Amino acid sequence: MKIKTLGLALALGFAGAAVCFAGDTKAEQAVRDADAAWSKAAGSKDLDKTISYYSADASVLPPNAPAATTKEAIRKIWQDMLASPGFVISWKATKVKVAKSGDLGFVSGTYELTMNDASGKPVNDRGKYVEVWQKQADGKWKCGTDTWNSDLPASAPAENK
């Protein structure tokens, strides 16, 4: 009996989540457009424009690094990436959903980036990302949480000699 109850609770929970994210297509398109413009800004290495897509209270959760929860820390992450030799980045949304309330949404998609390694050789990476977007008081959408990770296998740890 407990298994049936748990199964029903899970089914109802998933159904409720689907209803909560049965957003309107105009809002979804606005978020998709903002995400595409953000990718273009990062691709052109415009630091100020790139970080302008974050909300005032944003959190950035980069791979292999601590979370950035201040404007200064977020700026530093992007400043370091954009200044990296050979840096090229782009991303594309594959899924956009906006809550029925119209004030919260999420984007998931794929990214590609290139950076030079220590020897100057280009290293290509590709992966996936998730962003949580919030509609601001002025009607604009801003990213409140941003995270990404690579699809490539992790590098083997260096041997201690």
C-alpha atoms as a PDB file:
ATOM      1  CA  MET A   1       0.000   0.000   0.000  1.00  0.00           C
ATOM      2  CA  LYS A   2       2.844   2.403   0.807  1.00  0.00           C
ATOM      3  CA  ILE A   3       4.328   1.869  -2.678  1.00  0.00           C
ATOM      4  CA  LYS A   4       0.997   2.735  -4.349  1.00  0.00           C
ATOM      5  CA  THR A   5       0.683   5.857  -2.208  1.00  0.00           C
ATOM      6  CA  LEU A   6       4.248   6.922  -3.021  1.00  0.00           C
ATOM      7  CA  GLY A   7       3.661   6.263  -6.735  1.00  0.00           C
ATOM      8  CA  LEU A   8       0.460   8.310  -6.687  1.00  0.00           C
ATOM      9  CA  ALA A   9       2.176  11.131  -4.816  1.00  0.00           C
ATOM     10  CA  LEU A  10       5.025  11.165  -7.349  1.00  0.00           C
ATOM     11  CA  ALA A  11       2.619  11.085 -10.284  1.00  0.00           C
ATOM     12  CA  LEU A  12       0.606  13.957  -8.853  1.00  0.00           C
ATOM     13  CA  GLY A  13       3.809  15.885  -8.138  1.00  0.00           C
ATOM     14  CA  PHE A  14       5.020  15.508 -11.715  1.00  0.00           C
ATOM     15  CA  ALA A  15       1.594  16.449 -13.057  1.00  0.00           C
ATOM     16  CA  GLY A  16       1.593  19.514 -10.818  1.00  0.00           C
ATOM     17  CA  ALA A  17       5.039  20.508 -12.050  1.00  0.00           C
ATOM     18  CA  ALA A  18       3.859  20.190 -15.650  1.00  0.00           C
ATOM     19  CA  VAL A  19       0.898  22.461 -14.929  1.00  0.00           C
ATOM     20  CA  CYS A  20       3.102  24.990 -13.105  1.00  0.00           C
ATOM     21  CA  PHE A  21       5.339  25.197 -16.172  1.00  0.00           C
ATOM     22  CA  ALA A  22       2.593  25.331 -18.762  1.00  0.00           C
ATOM     23  CA  GLY A  23       3.692  28.880 -19.536  1.00  0.00           C
ATOM     24  CA  ASP A  24       2.703  31.141 -22.361  1.00  0.00           C
ATOM     25  CA  THR A  25       4.641  31.008 -25.594  1.00  0.00           C
ATOM     26  CA  LYS A  26       5.216  34.798 -25.716  1.00  0.00           C
ATOM     27  CA  ALA A  27       7.079  34.701 -22.409  1.00  0.00           C
ATOM     28  CA  GLU A  28       9.002  31.601 -23.500  1.00  0.00           C
ATOM     29  CA  GLN A  29      10.031  33.379 -26.699  1.00  0.00           C
ATOM     30  CA  ALA A  30      11.135  36.440 -24.703  1.00  0.00           C
ATOM     31  CA  VAL A  31      13.363  34.241 -22.515  1.00  0.00           C
ATOM     32  CA  ARG A  32      14.704  32.370 -25.561  1.00  0.00           C
ATOM     33  CA  ASP A  33      15.491  35.688 -27.283  1.00  0.00           C
ATOM     34  CA  ALA A  34      17.232  37.044 -24.162  1.00  0.00           C
ATOM     35  CA  ASP A  35      19.326  33.885 -23.901  1.00  0.00           C
ATOM     36  CA  ALA A  36      20.326  34.118 -27.589  1.00  0.00           C
ATOM     37  CA  ALA A  37      21.274  37.792 -27.204  1.00  0.00           C
ATOM     38  CA  TRP A  38      23.316  36.883 -24.123  1.00  0.00           C
ATOM     39  CA  SER A  39      25.229  34.236 -26.096  1.00  0.00           C
ATOM     40  CA  LYS A  40      25.926  36.811 -28.794  1.00  0.00           C
ATOM     41  CA  ALA A  41      27.216  39.323 -26.212  1.00  0.00           C
ATOM     42  CA  ALA A  42      29.553  36.712 -24.693  1.00  0.00           C
ATOM     43  CA  GLY A  43      30.676  35.655 -28.165  1.00  0.00           C
ATOM     44  CA  SER A  44      31.649  39.241 -28.928  1.00  0.00           C
ATOM     45  CA  LYS A  45      33.573  39.383 -25.611  1.00  0.00           C
ATOM     46  CA  ASP A  46      31.537  42.350 -24.349  1.00  0.00           C
ATOM     47  CA  LEU A  47      32.023  41.958 -20.593  1.00  0.00           C
ATOM     48  CA  ASP A  48      29.554  44.609 -19.448  1.00  0.00           C
ATOM     49  CA  LYS A  49      26.832  43.407 -21.804  1.00  0.00           C
ATOM     50  CA  THR A  50      27.484  39.766 -20.867  1.00  0.00           C
ATOM     51  CA  ILE A  51      27.071  40.312 -17.134  1.00  0.00           C
ATOM     52  CA  SER A  52      24.063  42.611 -17.668  1.00  0.00           C
ATOM     53  CA  TYR A  53      21.921  39.496 -18.233  1.00  0.00           C
ATOM     54  CA  TYR A  54      22.223  38.509 -14.562  1.00  0.00           C
ATOM     55  CA  SER A  55      19.734  39.622 -11.917  1.00  0.00           C
ATOM     56  CA  ALA A  56      21.014  41.688  -8.993  1.00  0.00           C
ATOM     57  CA  ASP A  57      20.956  38.622  -6.720  1.00  0.00           C
ATOM     58  CA  ALA A  58      22.256  36.083  -9.234  1.00  0.00           C
ATOM     59  CA  SER A  59      24.316  32.989  -8.466  1.00  0.00           C
ATOM     60  CA  VAL A  60      26.739  31.481 -10.959  1.00  0.00           C
ATOM     61  CA  LEU A  61      27.753  27.865 -10.391  1.00  0.00           C
ATOM     62  CA  PRO A  62      30.755  27.241 -12.660  1.00  0.00           C
ATOM     63  CA  PRO A  63      32.290  23.789 -13.000  1.00  0.00           C
ATOM     64  CA  ASN A  64      35.290  22.995 -10.806  1.00  0.00           C
ATOM     65  CA  ALA A  65      35.046  26.303  -8.933  1.00  0.00           C
ATOM     66  CA  PRO A  66      33.147  27.827  -6.013  1.00  0.00           C
ATOM     67  CA  ALA A  67      29.771  29.463  -6.570  1.00  0.00           C
ATOM     68  CA  ALA A  68      29.825  33.180  -7.353  1.00  0.00           C
ATOM     69  CA  THR A  69      27.085  35.014  -5.465  1.00  0.00           C
ATOM     70  CA  THR A  70      28.179  38.643  -5.728  1.00  0.00           C
ATOM     71  CA  LYS A  71      28.291  40.946  -8.728  1.00  0.00           C
ATOM     72  CA  GLU A  72      32.055  41.256  -8.292  1.00  0.00           C
ATOM     73  CA  ALA A  73      32.599  37.479  -8.249  1.00  0.00           C
ATOM     74  CA  ILE A  74      30.376  36.993 -11.319  1.00  0.00           C
ATOM     75  CA  ARG A  75      32.198  39.765 -13.143  1.00  0.00           C
ATOM     76  CA  LYS A  76      35.560  38.131 -12.282  1.00  0.00           C
ATOM     77  CA  ILE A  77      34.459  34.746 -13.684  1.00  0.00           C
ATOM     78  CA  TRP A  78      33.436  36.303 -16.983  1.00  0.00           C
ATOM     79  CA  GLN A  79      36.383  38.701 -17.106  1.00  0.00           C
ATOM     80  CA  ASP A  80      38.809  35.791 -16.732  1.00  0.00           C
ATOM     81  CA  MET A  81      37.015  33.660 -19.334  1.00  0.00           C
ATOM     82  CA  LEU A  82      36.647  36.439 -21.908  1.00  0.00           C
ATOM     83  CA  ALA A  83      40.321  37.430 -21.501  1.00  0.00           C
ATOM     84  CA  SER A  84      41.578  33.858 -21.997  1.00  0.00           C
ATOM     85  CA  PRO A  85      43.709  33.495 -25.143  1.00  0.00           C
ATOM     86  CA  GLY A  86      41.782  31.884 -27.967  1.00  0.00           C
ATOM     87  CA  PHE A  87      38.471  32.124 -26.098  1.00  0.00           C
ATOM     88  CA  VAL A  88      35.395  31.569 -28.262  1.00  0.00           C
ATOM     89  CA  ILE A  89      31.960  30.726 -26.825  1.00  0.00           C
ATOM     90  CA  SER A  90      28.403  30.220 -27.964  1.00  0.00           C
ATOM     91  CA  TRP A  91      25.352  28.476 -26.587  1.00  0.00           C
ATOM     92  CA  LYS A  92      21.890  27.590 -27.802  1.00  0.00           C
ATOM     93  CA  ALA A  93      18.718  26.892 -25.880  1.00  0.00           C
ATOM     94  CA  THR A  94      17.107  23.530 -26.552  1.00  0.00           C
ATOM     95  CA  LYS A  95      14.324  23.820 -23.958  1.00  0.00           C
ATOM     96  CA  VAL A  96      12.602  26.893 -22.544  1.00  0.00           C
ATOM     97  CA  LYS A  97       9.747  26.795 -20.045  1.00  0.00           C
ATOM     98  CA  VAL A  98       8.021  29.612 -18.202  1.00  0.00           C
ATOM     99  CA  ALA A  99       5.907  29.114 -15.093  1.00  0.00           C
ATOM    100  CA  LYS A 100       2.194  29.651 -15.389  1.00  0.00           C
ATOM    101  CA  SER A 101       2.629  32.652 -13.080  1.00  0.00           C
ATOM    102  CA  GLY A 102       4.728  34.246 -15.848  1.00  0.00           C
ATOM    103  CA  ASP A 103       7.532  35.439 -13.568  1.00  0.00           C
ATOM    104  CA  LEU A 104       9.933  32.481 -13.530  1.00  0.00           C
ATOM    105  CA  GLY A 105      11.386  30.318 -16.257  1.00  0.00           C
ATOM    106  CA  PHE A 106      14.220  27.996 -17.078  1.00  0.00           C
ATOM    107  CA  VAL A 107      16.416  27.387 -20.074  1.00  0.00           C
ATOM    108  CA  SER A 108      18.514  24.349 -20.822  1.00  0.00           C
ATOM    109  CA  GLY A 109      20.711  23.888 -23.821  1.00  0.00           C
ATOM    110  CA  THR A 110      24.145  23.175 -25.193  1.00  0.00           C
ATOM    111  CA  TYR A 111      27.329  25.206 -25.406  1.00  0.00           C
ATOM    112  CA  GLU A 112      30.597  25.106 -27.302  1.00  0.00           C
ATOM    113  CA  LEU A 113      33.756  26.878 -26.273  1.00  0.00           C
ATOM    114  CA  THR A 114      37.395  27.003 -27.198  1.00  0.00           C
ATOM    115  CA  MET A 115      40.326  28.205 -25.085  1.00  0.00           C
ATOM    116  CA  ASN A 116      44.067  27.878 -25.539  1.00  0.00           C
ATOM    117  CA  ASP A 117      45.872  25.571 -23.124  1.00  0.00           C
ATOM    118  CA  ALA A 118      49.141  26.509 -21.386  1.00  0.00           C
ATOM    119  CA  SER A 119      51.120  25.684 -24.547  1.00  0.00           C
ATOM    120  CA  GLY A 120      48.855  27.874 -26.721  1.00  0.00           C
ATOM    121  CA  LYS A 121      47.073  24.940 -28.346  1.00  0.00           C
ATOM    122  CA  PRO A 122      43.295  25.404 -28.792  1.00  0.00           C
ATOM    123  CA  VAL A 123      41.193  23.120 -26.608  1.00  0.00           C
ATOM    124  CA  ASN A 124      37.565  22.581 -27.598  1.00  0.00           C
ATOM    125  CA  ASP A 125      34.817  21.876 -25.084  1.00  0.00           C
ATOM    126  CA  ARG A 126      31.118  21.223 -25.434  1.00  0.00           C
ATOM    127  CA  GLY A 127      28.493  20.629 -22.818  1.00  0.00           C
ATOM    128  CA  LYS A 128      25.136  21.573 -21.393  1.00  0.00           C
ATOM    129  CA  TYR A 129      23.767  24.343 -19.224  1.00  0.00           C
ATOM    130  CA  VAL A 130      20.754  25.279 -17.122  1.00  0.00           C
ATOM    131  CA  GLU A 131      19.620  28.803 -16.296  1.00  0.00           C
ATOM    132  CA  VAL A 132      16.782  30.007 -14.094  1.00  0.00           C
ATOM    133  CA  TRP A 133      15.319  33.289 -15.322  1.00  0.00           C
ATOM    134  CA  GLN A 134      13.266  35.820 -13.353  1.00  0.00           C
ATOM    135  CA  LYS A 135      10.987  38.472 -14.774  1.00  0.00           C
ATOM    136  CA  GLN A 136      12.031  41.825 -13.320  1.00  0.00           C
ATOM    137  CA  ALA A 137       9.756  44.677 -12.199  1.00  0.00           C
ATOM    138  CA  ASP A 138      10.494  46.479 -15.487  1.00  0.00           C
ATOM    139  CA  GLY A 139       9.313  43.426 -17.476  1.00  0.00           C
ATOM    140  CA  LYS A 140      12.795  42.350 -18.595  1.00  0.00           C
ATOM    141  CA  TRP A 141      14.036  38.828 -18.011  1.00  0.00           C
ATOM    142  CA  LYS A 142      17.299  38.300 -16.079  1.00  0.00           C
ATOM    143  CA  CYS A 143      19.171  35.135 -15.205  1.00  0.00           C
ATOM    144  CA  GLY A 144      19.106  34.390 -11.470  1.00  0.00           C
ATOM    145  CA  THR A 145      20.988  31.084 -11.511  1.00  0.00           C
ATOM    146  CA  ASP A 146      23.458  29.878 -14.129  1.00  0.00           C
ATOM    147  CA  THR A 147      25.378  26.598 -14.274  1.00  0.00           C
ATOM    148  CA  TRP A 148      27.089  24.514 -16.932  1.00  0.00           C
ATOM    149  CA  ASN A 149      29.276  21.437 -17.290  1.00  0.00           C
ATOM    150  CA  SER A 150      31.207  19.619 -19.949  1.00  0.00           C
ATOM    151  CA  ASP A 151      30.128  16.561 -21.906  1.00  0.00           C
ATOM    152  CA  LEU A 152      33.788  15.585 -22.303  1.00  0.00           C
ATOM    153  CA  PRO A 153      35.350  13.010 -19.991  1.00  0.00           C
ATOM    154  CA  ALA A 154      37.154  14.400 -16.957  1.00  0.00           C
ATOM    155  CA  SER A 155      40.914  14.569 -17.241  1.00  0.00           C
ATOM    156  CA  ALA A 156      42.862  11.974 -15.312  1.00  0.00           C
ATOM    157  CA  PRO A 157      44.525  13.412 -12.202  1.00  0.00           C
ATOM    158  CA  ALA A 158      48.214  14.120 -12.526  1.00  0.00           C
ATOM    159  CA  GLU A 159      50.474  11.458 -11.059  1.00  0.00           C
ATOM    160  CA  ASN A 160      52.538  12.379  -8.018  1.00  0.00           C
ATOM    161  CA  LYS A 161      56.178  11.457  -8.452  1.00  0.00           C
END
